[in-house]
């Protein structure tokens, strides 16, 4: 799934807004080419790192507050995303804005949208809602 739909909503407004923001940015990411401007490429990576830092922090706090049993694995996935974004970014800023590196970024984003947000995030939200006394 590569576009935002209501079935992706978690019921937690801040999480939903953050998820929607990466879906909104996806079209810019998919349109990157080897001749894209440095400014355009930089802005994508600034967005992705800001997204990762802010969004993952909020998700992980929510998981810890609710003693989510798969927290370590979920955090491992977040760390993987950050490491991959950083590695791709380093390759690009070191003069390798190759089609391969841009495709690696696109595949990472596709995987994140289709599998992580639509799968893994839904699992932890469902589990937290089961355990929580807060109505979402």
N, C-alpha and C. Protein backbone atom coordinates (compact mmCIF):
# COMPACT_ATOMS: atom_id res chain seq x y z
N UNK A 1 0.85 -1.17 0.00
CA UNK A 1 0.00 0.00 0.00
C UNK A 1 0.90 1.24 0.00
N UNK A 2 0.77 2.08 -1.00
CA UNK A 2 1.66 3.21 -1.14
C UNK A 2 0.95 4.55 -1.07
N UNK A 3 -0.28 4.55 -0.65
CA UNK A 3 -1.00 5.80 -0.46
C UNK A 3 -1.78 5.69 0.83
N UNK A 4 -2.01 6.83 1.44
CA UNK A 4 -2.69 6.89 2.72
C UNK A 4 -4.18 6.62 2.53
N UNK A 5 -4.70 5.70 3.32
CA UNK A 5 -6.13 5.43 3.33
C UNK A 5 -6.58 5.36 4.78
N UNK A 6 -7.86 5.52 5.00
CA UNK A 6 -8.38 5.52 6.36
C UNK A 6 -8.14 4.22 7.11
N UNK A 7 -7.99 3.10 6.39
CA UNK A 7 -7.75 1.84 7.10
C UNK A 7 -6.36 1.79 7.73
N UNK A 8 -5.51 2.76 7.43
CA UNK A 8 -4.18 2.83 8.06
C UNK A 8 -4.22 3.60 9.39
N UNK A 9 -5.32 4.26 9.65
CA UNK A 9 -5.42 5.05 10.88
C UNK A 9 -5.30 4.16 12.11
N UNK A 10 -4.58 4.68 13.08
CA UNK A 10 -4.42 3.97 14.35
C UNK A 10 -5.45 4.42 15.37
N UNK A 11 -5.99 5.61 15.16
CA UNK A 11 -6.89 6.18 16.15
C UNK A 11 -6.16 7.10 17.12
N UNK A 12 -4.87 7.20 16.96
CA UNK A 12 -4.06 8.12 17.77
C UNK A 12 -3.63 9.24 16.82
N UNK A 13 -4.23 10.41 17.01
CA UNK A 13 -4.07 11.50 16.04
C UNK A 13 -2.62 11.84 15.72
N UNK A 14 -1.78 11.96 16.73
CA UNK A 14 -0.40 12.36 16.46
C UNK A 14 0.34 11.31 15.64
N UNK A 15 0.11 10.04 15.93
CA UNK A 15 0.74 8.95 15.17
C UNK A 15 0.20 8.96 13.74
N UNK A 16 -1.10 9.13 13.58
CA UNK A 16 -1.70 9.15 12.25
C UNK A 16 -1.16 10.31 11.41
N UNK A 17 -1.02 11.49 12.00
CA UNK A 17 -0.48 12.63 11.26
C UNK A 17 0.96 12.36 10.81
N UNK A 18 1.74 11.74 11.68
CA UNK A 18 3.13 11.44 11.34
C UNK A 18 3.19 10.39 10.23
N UNK A 19 2.38 9.35 10.34
CA UNK A 19 2.34 8.33 9.29
C UNK A 19 1.91 8.96 7.97
N UNK A 20 0.89 9.79 8.00
CA UNK A 20 0.41 10.42 6.78
C UNK A 20 1.51 11.28 6.16
N UNK A 21 2.32 11.92 6.98
CA UNK A 21 3.37 12.80 6.44
C UNK A 21 4.38 12.04 5.59
N UNK A 22 4.72 10.81 5.98
CA UNK A 22 5.68 10.06 5.16
C UNK A 22 5.01 9.54 3.89
N UNK A 23 3.72 9.24 3.95
CA UNK A 23 3.00 8.87 2.73
C UNK A 23 2.96 10.07 1.79
N UNK A 24 2.72 11.25 2.34
CA UNK A 24 2.68 12.47 1.51
C UNK A 24 4.03 12.74 0.86
N UNK A 25 5.11 12.44 1.54
CA UNK A 25 6.46 12.70 1.04
C UNK A 25 6.90 11.64 0.03
N UNK A 26 6.24 10.52 0.03
CA UNK A 26 6.65 9.39 -0.82
C UNK A 26 6.73 9.75 -2.29
N UNK A 27 5.79 10.52 -2.78
CA UNK A 27 5.82 10.85 -4.22
C UNK A 27 7.08 11.63 -4.57
N UNK A 28 7.52 12.52 -3.69
CA UNK A 28 8.77 13.24 -3.93
C UNK A 28 9.96 12.27 -3.95
N UNK A 29 9.93 11.31 -3.05
CA UNK A 29 11.01 10.33 -2.98
C UNK A 29 11.05 9.49 -4.24
N UNK A 30 9.88 9.03 -4.69
CA UNK A 30 9.81 8.18 -5.88
C UNK A 30 10.18 8.93 -7.16
N UNK A 31 10.09 10.26 -7.12
CA UNK A 31 10.44 11.07 -8.29
C UNK A 31 11.92 11.48 -8.33
N UNK A 32 12.68 11.13 -7.30
CA UNK A 32 14.11 11.46 -7.31
C UNK A 32 14.81 10.74 -8.45
N UNK A 33 15.72 11.45 -9.08
CA UNK A 33 16.52 10.88 -10.16
C UNK A 33 17.97 11.29 -9.95
N UNK A 34 18.86 10.67 -10.67
CA UNK A 34 20.28 10.97 -10.51
C UNK A 34 20.60 12.43 -10.83
N UNK A 35 19.75 13.09 -11.61
CA UNK A 35 19.99 14.50 -11.91
C UNK A 35 19.18 15.44 -11.03
N UNK A 36 18.55 14.92 -9.96
CA UNK A 36 17.82 15.77 -9.01
C UNK A 36 18.82 16.69 -8.33
N UNK A 37 18.34 17.87 -7.96
CA UNK A 37 19.24 18.84 -7.35
C UNK A 37 19.67 18.37 -5.96
N UNK A 38 20.84 18.83 -5.56
CA UNK A 38 21.36 18.52 -4.23
C UNK A 38 20.39 19.01 -3.17
N UNK A 39 19.83 20.19 -3.38
CA UNK A 39 18.87 20.76 -2.43
C UNK A 39 17.64 19.86 -2.27
N UNK A 40 17.15 19.36 -3.39
CA UNK A 40 15.98 18.48 -3.37
C UNK A 40 16.29 17.18 -2.61
N UNK A 41 17.44 16.61 -2.90
CA UNK A 41 17.85 15.36 -2.23
C UNK A 41 18.06 15.61 -0.74
N UNK A 42 18.75 16.69 -0.41
CA UNK A 42 19.00 17.03 1.00
C UNK A 42 17.69 17.19 1.76
N UNK A 43 16.72 17.87 1.16
CA UNK A 43 15.45 18.11 1.87
C UNK A 43 14.72 16.80 2.16
N UNK A 44 14.84 15.83 1.27
CA UNK A 44 14.23 14.52 1.50
C UNK A 44 14.87 13.85 2.72
N UNK A 45 16.19 13.87 2.78
CA UNK A 45 16.88 13.22 3.89
C UNK A 45 16.67 13.96 5.21
N UNK A 46 16.59 15.28 5.16
CA UNK A 46 16.29 16.04 6.38
C UNK A 46 14.91 15.64 6.88
N UNK A 47 13.94 15.56 5.97
CA UNK A 47 12.60 15.13 6.36
C UNK A 47 12.63 13.73 6.98
N UNK A 48 13.30 12.79 6.30
CA UNK A 48 13.30 11.40 6.77
C UNK A 48 13.94 11.26 8.14
N UNK A 49 15.04 11.97 8.38
CA UNK A 49 15.69 11.86 9.69
C UNK A 49 14.86 12.54 10.77
N UNK A 50 14.25 13.66 10.45
CA UNK A 50 13.37 14.32 11.40
C UNK A 50 12.17 13.45 11.72
N UNK A 51 11.58 12.88 10.67
CA UNK A 51 10.45 11.96 10.84
C UNK A 51 10.85 10.80 11.75
N UNK A 52 11.96 10.18 11.44
CA UNK A 52 12.39 9.01 12.21
C UNK A 52 12.63 9.38 13.66
N UNK A 53 13.35 10.44 13.91
CA UNK A 53 13.65 10.82 15.30
C UNK A 53 12.39 11.14 16.09
N UNK A 54 11.54 11.97 15.54
CA UNK A 54 10.33 12.40 16.27
C UNK A 54 9.29 11.29 16.37
N UNK A 55 9.02 10.67 15.25
CA UNK A 55 7.97 9.66 15.21
C UNK A 55 8.34 8.41 16.01
N UNK A 56 9.56 7.93 15.84
CA UNK A 56 9.97 6.73 16.55
C UNK A 56 10.01 6.97 18.05
N UNK A 57 10.46 8.15 18.46
CA UNK A 57 10.47 8.49 19.88
C UNK A 57 9.06 8.40 20.45
N UNK A 58 8.10 9.00 19.76
CA UNK A 58 6.72 8.99 20.26
C UNK A 58 6.16 7.57 20.31
N UNK A 59 6.40 6.79 19.27
CA UNK A 59 5.92 5.41 19.27
C UNK A 59 6.56 4.60 20.40
N UNK A 60 7.86 4.74 20.57
CA UNK A 60 8.56 3.94 21.57
C UNK A 60 8.15 4.32 22.99
N UNK A 61 7.88 5.59 23.24
CA UNK A 61 7.37 6.01 24.56
C UNK A 61 6.02 5.35 24.80
N UNK A 62 5.16 5.38 23.79
CA UNK A 62 3.83 4.76 23.90
C UNK A 62 3.95 3.27 24.20
N UNK A 63 4.88 2.60 23.52
CA UNK A 63 5.09 1.18 23.74
C UNK A 63 5.58 0.91 25.16
N UNK A 64 6.54 1.72 25.61
CA UNK A 64 7.10 1.51 26.96
C UNK A 64 6.05 1.79 28.03
N UNK A 65 5.27 2.85 27.85
CA UNK A 65 4.22 3.17 28.82
C UNK A 65 3.19 2.06 28.94
N UNK A 66 3.05 1.29 27.89
CA UNK A 66 2.05 0.21 27.88
C UNK A 66 2.68 -1.17 27.93
N UNK A 67 3.97 -1.23 28.30
CA UNK A 67 4.68 -2.50 28.45
C UNK A 67 4.48 -3.42 27.25
N UNK A 68 4.65 -2.86 26.06
CA UNK A 68 4.48 -3.66 24.84
C UNK A 68 5.54 -4.75 24.80
N UNK A 69 5.10 -5.99 24.71
CA UNK A 69 5.99 -7.14 24.83
C UNK A 69 6.97 -7.30 23.66
N UNK A 70 6.67 -6.73 22.51
CA UNK A 70 7.58 -6.82 21.36
C UNK A 70 8.34 -5.52 21.12
N UNK A 71 8.51 -4.74 22.18
CA UNK A 71 9.19 -3.45 22.08
C UNK A 71 10.59 -3.57 21.47
N UNK A 72 11.39 -4.51 21.95
CA UNK A 72 12.78 -4.63 21.49
C UNK A 72 12.83 -4.89 19.99
N UNK A 73 12.00 -5.79 19.50
CA UNK A 73 11.99 -6.09 18.06
C UNK A 73 11.51 -4.88 17.26
N UNK A 74 10.50 -4.21 17.75
CA UNK A 74 9.99 -3.04 17.04
C UNK A 74 11.05 -1.94 17.01
N UNK A 75 11.72 -1.75 18.11
CA UNK A 75 12.78 -0.74 18.16
C UNK A 75 13.93 -1.12 17.21
N UNK A 76 14.21 -2.41 17.11
CA UNK A 76 15.23 -2.88 16.17
C UNK A 76 14.87 -2.48 14.74
N UNK A 77 13.61 -2.56 14.40
CA UNK A 77 13.15 -2.16 13.07
C UNK A 77 13.34 -0.65 12.87
N UNK A 78 13.02 0.12 13.89
CA UNK A 78 13.24 1.57 13.81
C UNK A 78 14.72 1.88 13.61
N UNK A 79 15.56 1.22 14.37
CA UNK A 79 17.00 1.45 14.24
C UNK A 79 17.51 1.05 12.86
N UNK A 80 16.99 -0.03 12.32
CA UNK A 80 17.36 -0.47 10.98
C UNK A 80 17.02 0.63 9.96
N UNK A 81 15.83 1.19 10.06
CA UNK A 81 15.40 2.24 9.14
C UNK A 81 16.36 3.43 9.21
N UNK A 82 16.68 3.87 10.42
CA UNK A 82 17.58 5.00 10.61
C UNK A 82 18.96 4.70 10.02
N UNK A 83 19.47 3.52 10.29
CA UNK A 83 20.79 3.14 9.77
C UNK A 83 20.80 3.10 8.25
N UNK A 84 19.76 2.55 7.66
CA UNK A 84 19.68 2.47 6.20
C UNK A 84 19.58 3.85 5.57
N UNK A 85 18.75 4.71 6.15
CA UNK A 85 18.63 6.08 5.64
C UNK A 85 19.99 6.77 5.72
N UNK A 86 20.66 6.62 6.84
CA UNK A 86 21.97 7.26 7.00
C UNK A 86 22.99 6.71 6.01
N UNK A 87 23.02 5.40 5.83
CA UNK A 87 23.97 4.79 4.87
C UNK A 87 23.72 5.27 3.44
N UNK A 88 22.47 5.32 3.04
CA UNK A 88 22.14 5.78 1.70
C UNK A 88 22.52 7.26 1.56
N UNK A 89 22.21 8.03 2.58
CA UNK A 89 22.55 9.45 2.56
C UNK A 89 24.06 9.65 2.43
N UNK A 90 24.83 8.90 3.20
CA UNK A 90 26.29 9.01 3.14
C UNK A 90 26.80 8.68 1.74
N UNK A 91 26.26 7.65 1.14
CA UNK A 91 26.66 7.30 -0.23
C UNK A 91 26.36 8.44 -1.20
N UNK A 92 25.21 9.03 -1.06
CA UNK A 92 24.81 10.10 -1.98
C UNK A 92 25.66 11.35 -1.78
N UNK A 93 25.86 11.78 -0.52
CA UNK A 93 26.65 13.00 -0.29
C UNK A 93 28.12 12.80 -0.61
N UNK A 94 28.56 11.57 -0.66
CA UNK A 94 29.94 11.30 -1.04
C UNK A 94 30.08 11.15 -2.56
N UNK A 95 29.10 11.70 -3.28
CA UNK A 95 29.20 11.74 -4.73
C UNK A 95 28.63 10.56 -5.46
N UNK A 96 27.83 9.76 -4.78
CA UNK A 96 27.29 8.57 -5.43
C UNK A 96 25.76 8.63 -5.50
N UNK A 97 25.25 9.70 -6.10
CA UNK A 97 23.80 9.83 -6.29
C UNK A 97 23.40 8.96 -7.47
N UNK A 98 23.78 7.70 -7.36
CA UNK A 98 23.55 6.76 -8.45
C UNK A 98 22.11 6.27 -8.44
N UNK A 99 21.73 5.70 -9.54
CA UNK A 99 20.40 5.11 -9.63
C UNK A 99 20.25 3.99 -8.59
N UNK A 100 21.32 3.25 -8.37
CA UNK A 100 21.27 2.17 -7.37
C UNK A 100 20.96 2.71 -5.98
N UNK A 101 21.65 3.78 -5.56
CA UNK A 101 21.40 4.34 -4.24
C UNK A 101 20.00 4.93 -4.13
N UNK A 102 19.56 5.61 -5.18
CA UNK A 102 18.20 6.16 -5.15
C UNK A 102 17.17 5.05 -5.15
N UNK A 103 17.42 3.96 -5.87
CA UNK A 103 16.51 2.82 -5.84
C UNK A 103 16.49 2.15 -4.47
N UNK A 104 17.65 2.08 -3.82
CA UNK A 104 17.70 1.53 -2.46
C UNK A 104 16.82 2.35 -1.52
N UNK A 105 16.86 3.67 -1.67
CA UNK A 105 16.01 4.54 -0.86
C UNK A 105 14.54 4.27 -1.16
N UNK A 106 14.20 4.18 -2.42
CA UNK A 106 12.81 3.96 -2.81
C UNK A 106 12.29 2.61 -2.31
N UNK A 107 13.11 1.58 -2.40
CA UNK A 107 12.71 0.26 -1.91
C UNK A 107 12.51 0.29 -0.40
N UNK A 108 13.40 0.97 0.31
CA UNK A 108 13.26 1.10 1.76
C UNK A 108 11.95 1.78 2.12
N UNK A 109 11.62 2.85 1.42
CA UNK A 109 10.38 3.58 1.70
C UNK A 109 9.17 2.72 1.35
N UNK A 110 9.20 2.05 0.23
CA UNK A 110 8.09 1.16 -0.15
C UNK A 110 7.87 0.10 0.92
N UNK A 111 8.97 -0.52 1.36
CA UNK A 111 8.87 -1.54 2.40
C UNK A 111 8.29 -0.95 3.68
N UNK A 112 8.75 0.25 4.02
CA UNK A 112 8.28 0.88 5.26
C UNK A 112 6.79 1.18 5.19
N UNK A 113 6.34 1.71 4.07
CA UNK A 113 4.93 2.06 3.92
C UNK A 113 4.05 0.81 3.87
N UNK A 114 4.48 -0.17 3.10
CA UNK A 114 3.64 -1.35 2.88
C UNK A 114 3.68 -2.33 4.04
N UNK A 115 4.83 -2.49 4.65
CA UNK A 115 4.97 -3.54 5.66
C UNK A 115 5.03 -3.02 7.09
N UNK A 116 5.86 -2.04 7.34
CA UNK A 116 6.03 -1.61 8.73
C UNK A 116 4.79 -0.86 9.23
N UNK A 117 4.41 0.19 8.55
CA UNK A 117 3.28 0.99 9.02
C UNK A 117 1.99 0.19 8.95
N UNK A 118 1.78 -0.49 7.84
CA UNK A 118 0.54 -1.24 7.65
C UNK A 118 0.51 -2.56 8.42
N UNK A 119 1.66 -3.05 8.85
CA UNK A 119 1.70 -4.33 9.56
C UNK A 119 2.15 -4.20 11.00
N UNK A 120 3.43 -3.93 11.18
CA UNK A 120 4.01 -3.93 12.52
C UNK A 120 3.42 -2.85 13.43
N UNK A 121 3.19 -1.66 12.87
CA UNK A 121 2.61 -0.61 13.70
C UNK A 121 1.18 -0.94 14.10
N UNK A 122 0.44 -1.51 13.19
CA UNK A 122 -0.93 -1.90 13.52
C UNK A 122 -0.96 -2.92 14.66
N UNK A 123 -0.01 -3.83 14.66
CA UNK A 123 0.05 -4.86 15.71
C UNK A 123 0.24 -4.24 17.08
N UNK A 124 1.20 -3.30 17.18
CA UNK A 124 1.44 -2.73 18.51
C UNK A 124 0.29 -1.83 18.95
N UNK A 125 -0.34 -1.13 18.00
CA UNK A 125 -1.47 -0.27 18.36
C UNK A 125 -2.64 -1.13 18.85
N UNK A 126 -2.92 -2.22 18.16
CA UNK A 126 -4.00 -3.11 18.59
C UNK A 126 -3.72 -3.66 19.98
N UNK A 127 -2.48 -4.07 20.22
CA UNK A 127 -2.11 -4.62 21.53
C UNK A 127 -2.23 -3.58 22.62
N UNK A 128 -1.79 -2.37 22.33
CA UNK A 128 -1.87 -1.29 23.32
C UNK A 128 -3.32 -0.95 23.61
N UNK A 129 -4.15 -0.92 22.59
CA UNK A 129 -5.57 -0.62 22.79
C UNK A 129 -6.24 -1.68 23.64
N UNK A 130 -5.83 -2.94 23.49
CA UNK A 130 -6.38 -4.02 24.30
C UNK A 130 -6.07 -3.82 25.78
N UNK A 131 -4.85 -3.34 26.05
CA UNK A 131 -4.37 -3.21 27.42
C UNK A 131 -4.73 -1.88 28.08
N UNK A 132 -5.03 -0.87 27.27
CA UNK A 132 -5.19 0.48 27.77
C UNK A 132 -6.60 0.75 28.27
N UNK A 133 -6.65 1.64 29.24
CA UNK A 133 -7.94 2.12 29.74
C UNK A 133 -8.33 3.40 29.00
N UNK A 134 -7.40 3.94 28.19
CA UNK A 134 -7.68 5.14 27.43
C UNK A 134 -8.46 4.76 26.19
N UNK A 135 -9.49 5.50 25.88
CA UNK A 135 -10.30 5.25 24.70
C UNK A 135 -9.69 6.04 23.54
N UNK A 136 -9.33 5.30 22.46
CA UNK A 136 -8.76 5.94 21.27
C UNK A 136 -9.81 6.11 20.23
